[in-house]
Amino acid sequence: MKKVFFLLLLLFGFYSNAFGLRIVSLSPVVTEEIFLLGKEKYLVGCSSYALLPKGFRVKKVGTLVNANIEEIFRLKPDYVFVSGMMNPMAIRKMKSLHLRVVYFGYPKSFDDICNQFLKLAKYVGGERLAREIVKKAKTEVKKIYDETKNLSKPTVFVELGAHPIYTATKDSFVNDFIKLAGGINIAANSKSSMYSVEEVLRKNPDVIIISQMGFNGYKEKKRWEKFKFLKAVKNHRVFVLNDYSLCSPTPLTFVETLKKIAHFLHPGVKF
């Protein structure tokens, strides 16, 4: 009898949790993925950097790096989702208050992005939809890769940060953007994501792609265009990608950004 009672308690706990979740998401991409899964009704707090649909109201309780722990505690969430950029001290503090912190590390590849999306779905529900989305995204990515794999591969430099310059090495999903779009990342084997102007000039890439997230990409484009001997400059192949998904993609926005990059690299091919 005691065992039956205990099982009923467990089941009641599971179902009440599943249908009445309270979630705080301090990762903007995880917040976006919650909407993608149609589970935004569970969201009670988010990062100040989250891109929310117009009219959607939710408490802002931190940034990518720091959390307003007092406010989060007041919200009584079932889970607090954090990214790899969150301050470890903040994570320890939340755990000491018995908050259930779920960590989503920096994805190193497109597969990592998909796997983290499936992981999220296990917490918020919608696993079937998540599998369908991942399957669709992987099919589209393979189609783009198949279209470009036998074409000539331009060398590419991606600028993700300025002053100092940051780029993507092989340990970043941004490297997959270049590789799957049929290009070669000049910084793939760099030991650090911090890069120098001199190294870019020395390697003289065919294409330069500049992120517009966190700094003025168009100002950076003008800076590169001063170096008239660069192949990317001579051939008018310095692009500003005004797209949040270059730095924080969901499985679906990864596909859309990959199409843009593939078009940059191979303008004659339709994707």
Protein backbone atom coordinates (compact mmCIF):
# COMPACT_ATOMS: atom_id res chain seq x y z
CA MET A 1 0.00 0.00 0.00
CA LYS A 2 2.83 2.37 0.90
CA LYS A 3 4.53 1.63 -2.43
CA VAL A 4 1.33 2.43 -4.36
CA PHE A 5 0.92 5.69 -2.42
CA PHE A 6 4.54 6.63 -3.12
CA LEU A 7 4.12 5.91 -6.85
CA LEU A 8 0.97 8.04 -6.94
CA LEU A 9 2.87 10.91 -5.34
CA LEU A 10 5.62 10.59 -7.93
CA LEU A 11 3.11 10.51 -10.78
CA PHE A 12 1.21 13.48 -9.38
CA GLY A 13 4.44 15.39 -9.02
CA PHE A 14 5.47 14.58 -12.58
CA TYR A 15 2.16 15.57 -14.15
CA SER A 16 1.67 18.73 -12.11
CA ASN A 17 5.22 19.74 -13.05
CA ALA A 18 4.75 18.92 -16.73
CA PHE A 19 1.52 20.90 -17.05
CA GLY A 20 2.35 23.82 -14.79
CA LEU A 21 6.01 24.51 -15.41
CA ARG A 22 7.60 27.78 -14.37
CA ILE A 23 10.74 28.51 -16.38
CA VAL A 24 13.38 31.21 -16.21
CA SER A 25 15.61 31.30 -19.31
CA LEU A 26 18.80 33.38 -19.19
CA SER A 27 19.91 32.12 -22.59
CA PRO A 28 18.41 34.15 -25.48
CA VAL A 29 18.60 31.25 -27.93
CA VAL A 30 16.94 28.87 -25.45
CA THR A 31 14.18 31.46 -24.97
CA GLU A 32 13.72 31.59 -28.74
CA GLU A 33 13.57 27.79 -28.87
CA ILE A 34 10.91 27.74 -26.14
CA PHE A 35 8.75 29.84 -28.47
CA LEU A 36 9.64 27.56 -31.38
CA LEU A 37 8.24 24.63 -29.38
CA GLY A 38 5.12 26.61 -28.46
CA LYS A 39 5.90 26.46 -24.73
CA GLU A 40 6.16 30.19 -24.02
CA LYS A 41 3.26 29.95 -21.53
CA TYR A 42 5.77 28.40 -19.09
CA LEU A 43 8.16 31.36 -19.29
CA VAL A 44 8.12 33.51 -16.13
CA GLY A 45 11.52 35.20 -16.53
CA CYS A 46 14.18 35.75 -19.15
CA SER A 47 17.40 37.55 -20.04
CA SER A 48 17.34 41.23 -20.95
CA TYR A 49 18.90 40.18 -24.28
CA ALA A 50 16.00 37.93 -25.28
CA LEU A 51 14.27 38.79 -28.55
CA LEU A 52 10.59 38.53 -27.63
CA PRO A 53 7.59 38.75 -29.94
CA LYS A 54 5.84 42.09 -29.93
CA GLY A 55 3.36 42.32 -27.07
CA PHE A 56 4.79 39.41 -25.07
CA ARG A 57 5.50 40.46 -21.50
CA VAL A 58 7.77 38.61 -19.12
CA LYS A 59 10.05 39.67 -16.25
CA LYS A 60 13.67 40.45 -17.17
CA VAL A 61 15.82 38.83 -14.48
CA GLY A 62 19.40 38.97 -15.71
CA THR A 63 21.76 38.95 -18.66
CA LEU A 64 23.81 36.28 -20.41
CA VAL A 65 26.49 36.66 -17.75
CA ASN A 66 24.75 37.60 -14.52
CA ALA A 67 21.48 36.74 -12.83
CA ASN A 68 19.21 38.70 -10.50
CA ILE A 69 19.12 35.77 -8.11
CA GLU A 70 16.79 37.40 -5.59
CA GLU A 71 14.19 38.09 -8.29
CA ILE A 72 14.58 34.61 -9.78
CA PHE A 73 14.07 33.03 -6.35
CA ARG A 74 10.85 35.04 -5.92
CA LEU A 75 9.52 33.65 -9.19
CA LYS A 76 9.78 30.07 -7.84
CA PRO A 77 10.82 28.48 -11.14
CA ASP A 78 10.95 24.75 -11.72
CA TYR A 79 14.03 25.29 -13.91
CA VAL A 80 16.53 28.04 -14.60
CA PHE A 81 18.16 27.65 -18.02
CA VAL A 82 21.61 29.21 -18.37
CA SER A 83 24.20 29.38 -21.15
CA GLY A 84 27.93 28.75 -21.06
CA MET A 85 28.49 32.47 -20.56
CA MET A 86 26.78 32.60 -17.17
CA ASN A 87 28.97 33.58 -14.23
CA PRO A 88 29.89 30.31 -12.38
CA MET A 89 29.47 32.08 -9.03
CA ALA A 90 25.87 32.92 -9.95
CA ILE A 91 25.23 29.29 -10.87
CA ARG A 92 26.66 28.08 -7.54
CA LYS A 93 24.56 30.62 -5.65
CA MET A 94 21.36 29.53 -7.41
CA LYS A 95 22.11 25.88 -6.71
CA SER A 96 22.78 26.68 -3.05
CA LEU A 97 19.22 28.06 -2.93
CA HIS A 98 17.99 24.73 -4.36
CA LEU A 99 17.07 26.27 -7.69
CA ARG A 100 17.24 23.67 -10.47
CA VAL A 101 19.79 25.08 -12.89
CA VAL A 102 20.04 23.50 -16.36
CA TYR A 103 23.23 24.32 -18.24
CA PHE A 104 23.36 24.68 -22.04
CA GLY A 105 27.02 24.90 -23.08
CA TYR A 106 28.43 26.63 -26.15
CA PRO A 107 27.63 24.40 -29.15
CA LYS A 108 30.68 23.40 -31.18
CA SER A 109 28.77 22.20 -34.24
CA PHE A 110 25.40 22.10 -35.98
CA ASP A 111 24.85 18.67 -34.40
CA ASP A 112 25.41 20.21 -30.96
CA ILE A 113 22.77 22.85 -31.72
CA CYS A 114 20.29 20.11 -32.64
CA ASN A 115 21.14 17.97 -29.61
CA GLN A 116 20.71 20.90 -27.22
CA PHE A 117 17.34 21.67 -28.79
CA LEU A 118 16.25 18.07 -28.19
CA LYS A 119 17.53 18.33 -24.62
CA LEU A 120 15.42 21.45 -24.06
CA ALA A 121 12.34 19.65 -25.39
CA LYS A 122 12.76 16.98 -22.69
CA TYR A 123 12.39 19.66 -20.02
CA VAL A 124 9.52 21.66 -21.52
CA GLY A 125 7.69 19.01 -23.54
CA GLY A 126 7.21 18.90 -27.30
CA GLU A 127 9.79 16.19 -27.98
CA ARG A 128 7.93 14.97 -31.06
CA LEU A 129 7.83 18.48 -32.55
CA ALA A 130 11.50 18.96 -31.68
CA ARG A 131 12.45 15.76 -33.52
CA GLU A 132 10.46 16.89 -36.56
CA ILE A 133 12.16 20.30 -36.55
CA VAL A 134 15.62 18.73 -36.24
CA LYS A 135 14.87 16.25 -39.03
CA LYS A 136 13.71 19.06 -41.32
CA ALA A 137 16.77 21.20 -40.49
CA LYS A 138 19.21 18.33 -41.10
CA THR A 139 17.57 17.54 -44.45
CA GLU A 140 17.92 21.18 -45.55
CA VAL A 141 21.52 21.40 -44.38
CA LYS A 142 22.46 18.22 -46.26
CA LYS A 143 20.81 19.60 -49.42
CA ILE A 144 22.91 22.79 -49.23
CA TYR A 145 26.09 20.82 -48.50
CA ASP A 146 25.43 18.49 -51.46
CA GLU A 147 24.96 21.51 -53.75
CA THR A 148 28.31 23.03 -52.75
CA LYS A 149 30.65 20.14 -51.91
CA ASN A 150 31.98 19.75 -55.45
CA LEU A 151 32.33 23.47 -56.17
CA SER A 152 35.57 25.43 -55.77
CA LYS A 153 35.97 26.39 -52.13
CA PRO A 154 36.67 30.08 -51.40
CA THR A 155 38.69 30.95 -48.30
CA VAL A 156 36.65 32.79 -45.70
CA PHE A 157 37.26 34.99 -42.68
CA VAL A 158 34.38 35.57 -40.26
CA GLU A 159 34.62 38.52 -37.89
CA LEU A 160 32.52 37.98 -34.76
CA GLY A 161 34.01 40.75 -32.61
CA ALA A 162 35.99 43.93 -33.10
CA HIS A 163 38.68 45.67 -31.00
CA PRO A 164 40.06 43.08 -30.47
CA ILE A 165 39.06 40.96 -33.42
CA TYR A 166 37.34 37.66 -32.65
CA THR A 167 36.68 34.90 -35.14
CA ALA A 168 35.59 31.25 -35.24
CA THR A 169 37.94 28.30 -34.91
CA LYS A 170 37.11 24.66 -35.70
CA ASP A 171 35.63 24.37 -32.18
CA SER A 172 32.75 26.67 -33.07
CA PHE A 173 29.48 25.97 -34.88
CA VAL A 174 30.32 29.05 -36.99
CA ASN A 175 33.00 26.88 -38.61
CA ASP A 176 30.18 24.55 -39.70
CA PHE A 177 28.46 27.50 -41.40
CA ILE A 178 31.55 27.97 -43.57
CA LYS A 179 32.28 24.28 -44.15
CA LEU A 180 28.68 23.29 -44.95
CA ALA A 181 28.32 26.30 -47.27
CA GLY A 182 31.29 25.11 -49.31
CA GLY A 183 34.06 27.33 -47.98
CA ILE A 184 37.33 27.08 -46.05
CA ASN A 185 37.69 28.89 -42.74
CA ILE A 186 41.14 30.54 -42.65
CA ALA A 187 41.04 30.51 -38.83
CA ALA A 188 39.90 26.90 -38.40
CA ASN A 189 43.21 25.74 -36.94
CA SER A 190 43.93 28.84 -34.91
CA LYS A 191 44.68 28.13 -31.24
CA SER A 192 42.62 31.11 -30.16
CA SER A 193 39.47 32.85 -31.36
CA MET A 194 41.32 36.16 -30.92
CA TYR A 195 42.77 37.10 -34.30
CA SER A 196 44.89 39.91 -35.73
CA VAL A 197 44.48 42.20 -38.70
CA GLU A 198 47.99 41.19 -39.81
CA GLU A 199 47.02 37.52 -39.94
CA VAL A 200 43.94 38.26 -42.05
CA LEU A 201 46.07 40.33 -44.45
CA ARG A 202 48.65 37.55 -44.65
CA LYS A 203 46.07 34.86 -45.45
CA ASN A 204 44.22 37.19 -47.85
CA PRO A 205 40.77 35.50 -47.86
CA ASP A 206 38.45 35.40 -50.86
CA VAL A 207 35.47 36.36 -48.68
CA ILE A 208 35.06 38.32 -45.44
CA ILE A 209 31.82 37.95 -43.47
CA ILE A 210 31.19 40.40 -40.63
CA SER A 211 28.67 39.92 -37.85
CA GLN A 212 26.49 42.89 -36.95
CA MET A 213 25.87 41.60 -33.42
CA GLY A 214 27.38 43.69 -30.63
CA PHE A 215 29.33 46.13 -32.82
CA ASN A 216 29.01 48.21 -35.98
CA GLY A 217 29.62 45.75 -38.82
CA TYR A 218 29.40 48.42 -41.51
CA LYS A 219 32.13 50.43 -39.83
CA GLU A 220 34.30 47.29 -39.80
CA LYS A 221 33.55 46.73 -43.49
CA LYS A 222 34.95 50.20 -44.28
CA ARG A 223 38.05 49.36 -42.26
CA TRP A 224 38.73 46.23 -44.34
CA GLU A 225 38.01 48.07 -47.60
CA LYS A 226 41.03 50.30 -46.96
CA PHE A 227 43.21 47.29 -47.79
CA LYS A 228 42.71 47.43 -51.55
CA PHE A 229 44.97 44.44 -52.25
CA LEU A 230 42.73 42.00 -50.34
CA LYS A 231 40.99 39.59 -52.70
CA ALA A 232 37.72 39.99 -50.78
CA VAL A 233 37.92 43.77 -51.27
CA LYS A 234 39.01 43.69 -54.93
CA ASN A 235 36.14 41.34 -55.80
CA HIS A 236 33.52 43.15 -53.65
CA ARG A 237 33.05 40.15 -51.39
CA VAL A 238 33.03 41.78 -47.96
CA PHE A 239 29.60 41.08 -46.46
CA VAL A 240 27.86 42.30 -43.33
CA LEU A 241 25.49 39.67 -42.01
CA ASN A 242 22.90 41.61 -40.05
CA ASP A 243 21.58 38.46 -38.48
CA TYR A 244 21.30 37.44 -34.85
CA SER A 245 21.28 33.77 -35.84
CA LEU A 246 24.95 33.85 -36.93
CA CYS A 247 25.88 33.88 -33.24
CA SER A 248 22.90 32.17 -31.59
CA PRO A 249 21.00 29.97 -34.04
CA THR A 250 18.19 27.52 -33.46
CA PRO A 251 18.14 24.47 -35.79
CA LEU A 252 15.80 26.34 -38.15
CA THR A 253 17.56 29.70 -38.15
CA PHE A 254 20.84 27.84 -38.71
CA VAL A 255 19.40 26.71 -42.06
CA GLU A 256 18.30 30.22 -43.04
CA THR A 257 21.69 31.72 -42.17
CA LEU A 258 23.50 28.86 -43.92
CA LYS A 259 21.56 29.66 -47.11
CA LYS A 260 22.69 33.30 -46.92
CA ILE A 261 26.32 32.32 -46.39
CA ALA A 262 26.18 29.73 -49.18
CA HIS A 263 24.85 32.45 -51.49
CA PHE A 264 27.70 34.77 -50.43
CA LEU A 265 30.23 32.07 -51.27
CA HIS A 266 28.56 30.76 -54.43
CA PRO A 267 26.37 33.54 -55.86
CA GLY A 268 25.59 31.59 -59.02
CA VAL A 269 23.92 28.71 -57.19
CA LYS A 270 20.28 28.77 -56.05
CA PHE A 271 19.51 27.51 -52.55
